[in-house]
Structure formats: C-alpha cells, structure tokens
Amino acid sequence: MERLTPQRQPLAAFMVLLILRDSMHIPCMVAQLTLDTLGDAATRALGPRLVALLLYGSAARGTHVPKRSDVNTLLICDAVDDALFDALAPVVRAWTKAGHPAPLILTEREWRESADAFAIEYEDMRDAHRLLAGRDPWPGIRVDRDDLRRQLERELMGKLVRLRQAYGALWAEPKRLAEVIVGSAPGFFTMLRALLRLAGKPVPGRPEALVGAAAALVGFAAVALAPLIRHAEGGPALRLEGGARDPLVAAYLAAVARTAEYVNGVR
C-alpha cells in the first residue's frame, strides 16, 4: 500500500470526512446566504411554521448603499418557542456571518394585531418589500391614519430631543457629531416618507427627491442638507469642515424641529 506523505495526509483526511458524511447522511452546514438563497434556507429550516419572510427597507426600495445600508428582513411564523430558535439558528448564523442583521420575528397573530403600534413601519414596508418565502401577509392589514399621525408625532419629538442632547454632548467633537447626524438620517428619512403619506402626497424613493418633496410641504431648507443627502446616496463620507459651525449642523436640527412642529399641527 502506498504510504501517505505529510503533504497528502490533510487531503486524505478530508476525503474520509466526505465519505463518512455521505454514508451517514450528516447534514451540511448552511452555506453562505444571499437574498436569492435566504428564502429557501428558511423554508427548509422551518417548514410549515414559516408564514412569510419579507425583505424591506433600502434593499427593497432600490436605494441600498453597499457597506453603509443594512439588508433588513422580517420573519412571520406560527409561534415563537425554543424549537423555532433551534431550527432557525444555523440559518441566522450564516446570514449574520454574511454581514446582515438577524431578521425581526413576529408571530402571525402579532403581525395581524400590531398595525396600530407600528403604523409607520407597516406602511413603509407595504410600499417597499419583497416576499422571499411563504405567502403574502398583507391581505386584511389596515393602518389607521390617526395611528400613523400619533406615532409620527411621538417619533419626531423623540428624535428631536435626542438630537439636541447629542449636540449638547458633542458640540466640540465634530467627527462624532457627524456620526450622530449620519446615524440618525435614515430614521428621519423614514419619518419624511410617513409625513408625505399622511399628507396624501407621492413618496419618492431616493433621498434627494424625498427631502425635496418634504421640504416643500413643511418648509425647511433642503439645499442645506445636500452633503448629507450625497452621503445617503453613496457619495463621500460626511465631514463637518466648519466643525459645529458647519451650516449642515444647524440645518439638520432645524429640519427635524420644523417637521415635528408641522406634524404636531396636523389633525
């Protein structure tokens, strides 16, 4: 019998593992997942327990910026228990290893009963989503306009207060202040989309058109937010060249404040 050299021993050991795996029917680990394979992997893992798996957010809207935007997913299932997490763990591990956040998880009952609590999110998701697996979860889902207005007012005032807090803490640290503005912008853009829906206006997808439409309705200076918009659309990283006195700093806070004031007056 031919003797294995040290160089060939790892290859031989690998071949033995493959033979043993095939003969014993040991399942392979979940391969690296993409949007094209996530739905099938989740379906195989959960079977009939999976009600729907949705892609939402910028990746569904067509405004995703690689290495800056998240790929957001929502899993709706029959119930949440230990068995669900056991079955789902390899899929979620592979998905997060690929650099994506784990899916949000709701039971089907929670999904059908939570439109009043998440009015902004439901309408944003309804307008831009892709069904990755399962069945269409939208029939029968209705968002009340009053729920949308109340949540929007609450979210905007919360964002305004937190933004002022961050300004107070980081006024002498322009790099960190820029990070705060960049980090809060996606949420503000979500609120601008909700505002336009509340007003019965068309909702543009791209940030530049969205901010322009909202600014025209509410009355803040869209042009002053141009550096932030360029960043949001994949342009250069935001830098506050003038420090805290950079015009964008005051303009962004003013835009949030004016939008909150406007929504507070809507009935």
Protein backbone atom coordinates (compact mmCIF):
# COMPACT_ATOMS: atom_id res chain seq x y z
CA MET A 1 0.00 0.00 0.00
CA GLU A 2 1.27 3.46 -0.85
CA ARG A 3 2.37 5.42 2.17
CA LEU A 4 0.87 8.91 2.54
CA THR A 5 3.35 11.73 2.69
CA PRO A 6 2.76 14.50 5.23
CA GLN A 7 1.68 16.77 2.36
CA ARG A 8 -1.07 14.35 1.28
CA GLN A 9 -2.38 13.46 4.74
CA PRO A 10 -4.75 16.51 5.13
CA LEU A 11 -6.29 15.78 1.70
CA ALA A 12 -6.83 12.14 2.60
CA ALA A 13 -8.44 13.05 5.91
CA PHE A 14 -10.78 15.47 4.13
CA MET A 15 -11.81 12.78 1.64
CA VAL A 16 -12.57 10.38 4.51
CA LEU A 17 -14.81 13.01 6.14
CA LEU A 18 -16.70 13.48 2.88
CA ILE A 19 -17.25 9.72 2.53
CA LEU A 20 -18.42 9.42 6.14
CA ARG A 21 -20.75 12.40 5.79
CA ASP A 22 -22.38 11.00 2.66
CA SER A 23 -22.73 7.48 4.09
CA MET A 24 -24.16 8.67 7.42
CA HIS A 25 -26.37 11.43 5.88
CA ILE A 26 -24.97 14.09 8.15
CA PRO A 27 -26.43 17.45 7.04
CA CYS A 28 -24.00 20.01 5.71
CA MET A 29 -23.67 23.39 7.36
CA VAL A 30 -25.72 26.17 5.77
CA ALA A 31 -23.66 27.75 3.01
CA GLN A 32 -23.10 31.48 2.88
CA LEU A 33 -26.50 33.02 2.27
CA THR A 34 -27.61 35.70 -0.17
CA LEU A 35 -31.00 37.25 -0.80
CA ASP A 36 -31.53 34.68 -3.53
CA THR A 37 -30.96 31.73 -1.17
CA LEU A 38 -32.20 33.00 2.20
CA GLY A 39 -35.85 32.21 1.49
CA ASP A 40 -35.15 28.60 0.52
CA ALA A 41 -32.90 28.10 3.54
CA ALA A 42 -35.53 29.47 5.93
CA THR A 43 -38.25 27.35 4.32
CA ARG A 44 -36.17 24.19 4.67
CA ALA A 45 -35.41 25.01 8.29
CA LEU A 46 -38.94 25.92 9.41
CA GLY A 47 -41.23 24.09 7.00
CA PRO A 48 -44.92 24.93 7.55
CA ARG A 49 -44.08 27.04 10.59
CA LEU A 50 -42.87 29.80 8.26
CA VAL A 51 -45.73 32.15 7.35
CA ALA A 52 -43.76 34.79 5.45
CA LEU A 53 -40.23 36.11 5.09
CA LEU A 54 -40.03 39.70 3.83
CA LEU A 55 -37.20 41.87 2.61
CA TYR A 56 -37.87 45.53 3.39
CA GLY A 57 -36.02 48.84 3.65
CA SER A 58 -33.45 50.27 1.27
CA ALA A 59 -32.66 46.91 -0.36
CA ALA A 60 -36.31 46.56 -1.36
CA ARG A 61 -36.66 50.24 -2.24
CA GLY A 62 -33.68 50.26 -4.59
CA THR A 63 -31.65 52.75 -2.54
CA HIS A 64 -29.31 50.31 -0.81
CA VAL A 65 -25.70 51.50 -0.49
CA PRO A 66 -23.24 48.61 -0.02
CA LYS A 67 -21.24 48.73 3.22
CA ARG A 68 -23.48 51.52 4.53
CA SER A 69 -27.03 50.19 4.38
CA ASP A 70 -28.43 47.17 6.19
CA VAL A 71 -30.33 44.38 4.44
CA ASN A 72 -33.48 44.20 6.57
CA THR A 73 -35.76 41.17 6.84
CA LEU A 74 -38.91 40.26 8.77
CA LEU A 75 -39.87 36.71 9.63
CA ILE A 76 -43.51 35.94 10.40
CA CYS A 77 -44.07 32.50 11.89
CA ASP A 78 -46.80 30.47 13.56
CA ALA A 79 -45.36 30.82 17.08
CA VAL A 80 -42.10 31.63 18.84
CA ASP A 81 -40.59 28.92 21.03
CA ASP A 82 -37.35 27.06 21.67
CA ALA A 83 -37.98 24.69 18.77
CA LEU A 84 -38.22 27.65 16.37
CA PHE A 85 -34.90 29.08 17.52
CA ASP A 86 -33.24 25.65 17.35
CA ALA A 87 -34.36 25.21 13.74
CA LEU A 88 -33.59 28.77 12.74
CA ALA A 89 -30.16 29.11 14.40
CA PRO A 90 -27.98 27.75 11.52
CA VAL A 91 -29.75 29.98 9.00
CA VAL A 92 -29.48 33.12 11.12
CA ARG A 93 -25.85 32.33 11.93
CA ALA A 94 -24.99 32.08 8.23
CA TRP A 95 -26.98 35.24 7.43
CA THR A 96 -25.33 37.34 10.13
CA LYS A 97 -21.92 35.92 9.21
CA ALA A 98 -22.52 37.38 5.74
CA GLY A 99 -22.77 40.79 7.41
CA HIS A 100 -26.52 41.23 7.73
CA PRO A 101 -28.69 41.86 10.80
CA ALA A 102 -30.81 38.96 12.02
CA PRO A 103 -34.46 39.04 10.92
CA LEU A 104 -37.09 40.67 13.07
CA ILE A 105 -39.51 37.99 14.25
CA LEU A 106 -43.28 38.25 14.80
CA THR A 107 -45.91 35.59 15.20
CA GLU A 108 -48.75 35.68 12.69
CA ARG A 109 -51.13 36.85 15.41
CA GLU A 110 -48.75 39.65 16.45
CA TRP A 111 -48.37 40.69 12.83
CA ARG A 112 -52.13 41.00 12.39
CA GLU A 113 -52.64 42.86 15.67
CA SER A 114 -49.72 45.33 15.64
CA ALA A 115 -50.50 47.73 12.81
CA ASP A 116 -51.61 50.33 15.38
CA ALA A 117 -48.30 50.07 17.27
CA PHE A 118 -46.06 50.13 14.18
CA ALA A 119 -48.07 52.25 11.77
CA ILE A 120 -45.01 53.95 10.25
CA GLU A 121 -43.13 50.69 9.80
CA TYR A 122 -46.09 48.82 8.31
CA GLU A 123 -46.78 51.49 5.69
CA ASP A 124 -43.10 51.83 4.86
CA MET A 125 -42.84 48.06 4.50
CA ARG A 126 -46.01 47.82 2.44
CA ASP A 127 -44.68 50.35 -0.05
CA ALA A 128 -41.29 48.65 -0.48
CA HIS A 129 -40.96 44.94 0.21
CA ARG A 130 -40.13 41.67 -1.47
CA LEU A 131 -41.57 38.32 -0.47
CA LEU A 132 -38.63 35.92 -0.04
CA ALA A 133 -40.63 32.93 1.22
CA GLY A 134 -44.10 31.96 2.37
CA ARG A 135 -47.36 33.67 1.48
CA ASP A 136 -48.42 37.29 1.08
CA PRO A 137 -49.05 38.59 4.63
CA TRP A 138 -50.77 41.85 3.63
CA PRO A 139 -54.42 40.91 3.00
CA GLY A 140 -56.50 42.28 5.87
CA ILE A 141 -53.76 44.59 7.20
CA ARG A 142 -55.04 48.14 7.62
CA VAL A 143 -53.23 51.13 9.09
CA ASP A 144 -55.38 53.86 10.61
CA ARG A 145 -54.41 57.43 9.73
CA ASP A 146 -54.70 58.57 13.36
CA ASP A 147 -52.31 55.83 14.47
CA LEU A 148 -49.85 56.97 11.81
CA ARG A 149 -50.09 60.61 12.90
CA ARG A 150 -49.71 59.84 16.61
CA GLN A 151 -46.69 57.62 16.10
CA LEU A 152 -45.09 60.10 13.73
CA GLU A 153 -45.51 62.96 16.19
CA ARG A 154 -44.07 60.86 19.03
CA GLU A 155 -41.12 59.60 16.96
CA LEU A 156 -40.23 63.05 15.65
CA MET A 157 -40.31 64.67 19.09
CA GLY A 158 -38.21 61.83 20.48
CA LYS A 159 -35.68 62.23 17.67
CA LEU A 160 -35.56 66.00 18.18
CA VAL A 161 -34.93 65.71 21.92
CA ARG A 162 -32.23 63.05 21.48
CA LEU A 163 -30.58 65.03 18.70
CA ARG A 164 -30.40 68.14 20.89
CA GLN A 165 -28.93 66.00 23.67
CA ALA A 166 -26.23 64.72 21.31
CA TYR A 167 -25.49 68.22 20.06
CA GLY A 168 -25.01 69.36 23.65
CA ALA A 169 -22.68 66.48 24.42
CA LEU A 170 -20.64 66.54 21.20
CA TRP A 171 -20.59 70.20 20.18
CA ALA A 172 -16.79 70.32 20.49
CA GLU A 173 -16.30 66.96 18.70
CA PRO A 174 -17.25 67.45 15.04
CA LYS A 175 -16.27 63.94 13.94
CA ARG A 176 -18.61 62.32 16.45
CA LEU A 177 -21.28 64.92 15.77
CA ALA A 178 -21.14 63.99 12.08
CA GLU A 179 -21.54 60.32 13.04
CA VAL A 180 -24.66 61.18 15.04
CA ILE A 181 -26.19 63.06 12.11
CA VAL A 182 -25.38 60.26 9.67
CA GLY A 183 -26.72 57.64 12.07
CA SER A 184 -30.00 59.47 12.63
CA ALA A 185 -30.65 60.34 8.99
CA PRO A 186 -32.18 57.00 7.86
CA GLY A 187 -34.77 57.24 10.64
CA PHE A 188 -35.53 60.84 9.70
CA PHE A 189 -35.99 59.85 6.07
CA THR A 190 -38.43 57.14 7.19
CA MET A 191 -40.40 59.81 9.02
CA LEU A 192 -40.39 62.05 5.95
CA ARG A 193 -41.92 59.20 3.93
CA ALA A 194 -44.57 58.78 6.63
CA LEU A 195 -45.23 62.52 6.57
CA LEU A 196 -45.83 62.50 2.82
CA ARG A 197 -48.20 59.52 3.15
CA LEU A 198 -50.05 61.33 5.91
CA ALA A 199 -50.46 64.32 3.62
CA GLY A 200 -51.59 62.14 0.70
CA LYS A 201 -48.54 63.08 -1.37
CA PRO A 202 -46.41 60.84 -3.62
CA VAL A 203 -43.45 59.30 -1.80
CA PRO A 204 -40.18 59.41 -3.79
CA GLY A 205 -37.70 56.60 -3.22
CA ARG A 206 -34.36 58.37 -3.49
CA PRO A 207 -33.24 60.66 -0.63
CA GLU A 208 -32.75 63.78 -2.76
CA ALA A 209 -36.28 63.71 -4.16
CA LEU A 210 -37.73 62.66 -0.80
CA VAL A 211 -36.13 65.51 1.14
CA GLY A 212 -37.10 67.97 -1.58
CA ALA A 213 -40.75 66.93 -1.51
CA ALA A 214 -40.93 67.02 2.29
CA ALA A 215 -39.13 70.38 2.47
CA ALA A 216 -41.61 71.89 0.01
CA LEU A 217 -44.52 70.65 2.13
CA VAL A 218 -43.16 71.51 5.56
CA GLY A 219 -40.94 74.50 4.91
CA PHE A 220 -37.30 73.73 5.68
CA ALA A 221 -34.18 74.30 3.56
CA ALA A 222 -33.50 71.14 1.55
CA VAL A 223 -30.46 72.60 -0.19
CA ALA A 224 -28.66 72.98 3.14
CA LEU A 225 -28.86 69.20 3.63
CA ALA A 226 -27.09 68.45 0.33
CA PRO A 227 -23.89 66.94 1.89
CA LEU A 228 -25.98 64.56 4.00
CA ILE A 229 -28.09 63.57 1.00
CA ARG A 230 -25.00 62.87 -1.10
CA HIS A 231 -23.69 60.62 1.66
CA ALA A 232 -27.04 58.81 1.89
CA GLU A 233 -26.97 58.14 -1.86
CA GLY A 234 -23.49 56.60 -1.74
CA GLY A 235 -21.38 59.73 -2.05
CA PRO A 236 -18.40 60.82 0.06
CA ALA A 237 -18.41 60.39 3.82
CA LEU A 238 -19.90 63.32 5.68
CA ARG A 239 -17.33 65.71 7.14
CA LEU A 240 -18.18 68.87 9.04
CA GLU A 241 -15.49 71.10 7.61
CA GLY A 242 -16.59 74.02 9.77
CA GLY A 243 -16.90 71.92 12.89
CA ALA A 244 -20.08 72.50 14.86
CA ARG A 245 -20.49 75.76 12.92
CA ASP A 246 -20.79 73.87 9.63
CA PRO A 247 -24.10 75.01 8.08
CA LEU A 248 -25.35 71.41 7.90
CA VAL A 249 -25.36 71.07 11.69
CA ALA A 250 -27.92 73.81 12.26
CA ALA A 251 -29.84 72.99 9.08
CA TYR A 252 -30.38 69.34 10.03
CA LEU A 253 -31.60 70.18 13.53
CA ALA A 254 -33.89 72.85 12.08
CA ALA A 255 -35.33 70.39 9.55
CA VAL A 256 -36.18 67.89 12.29
CA ALA A 257 -37.66 70.60 14.50
CA ARG A 258 -39.76 72.08 11.70
CA THR A 259 -41.05 68.65 10.66
CA ALA A 260 -42.05 67.86 14.26
CA GLU A 261 -43.80 71.22 14.56
CA TYR A 262 -45.69 70.62 11.31
CA VAL A 263 -46.90 67.15 12.30
CA ASN A 264 -47.96 68.45 15.72
CA GLY A 265 -50.36 70.77 13.91
CA VAL A 266 -51.88 68.08 11.66
CA ARG A 267 -55.30 66.76 12.67
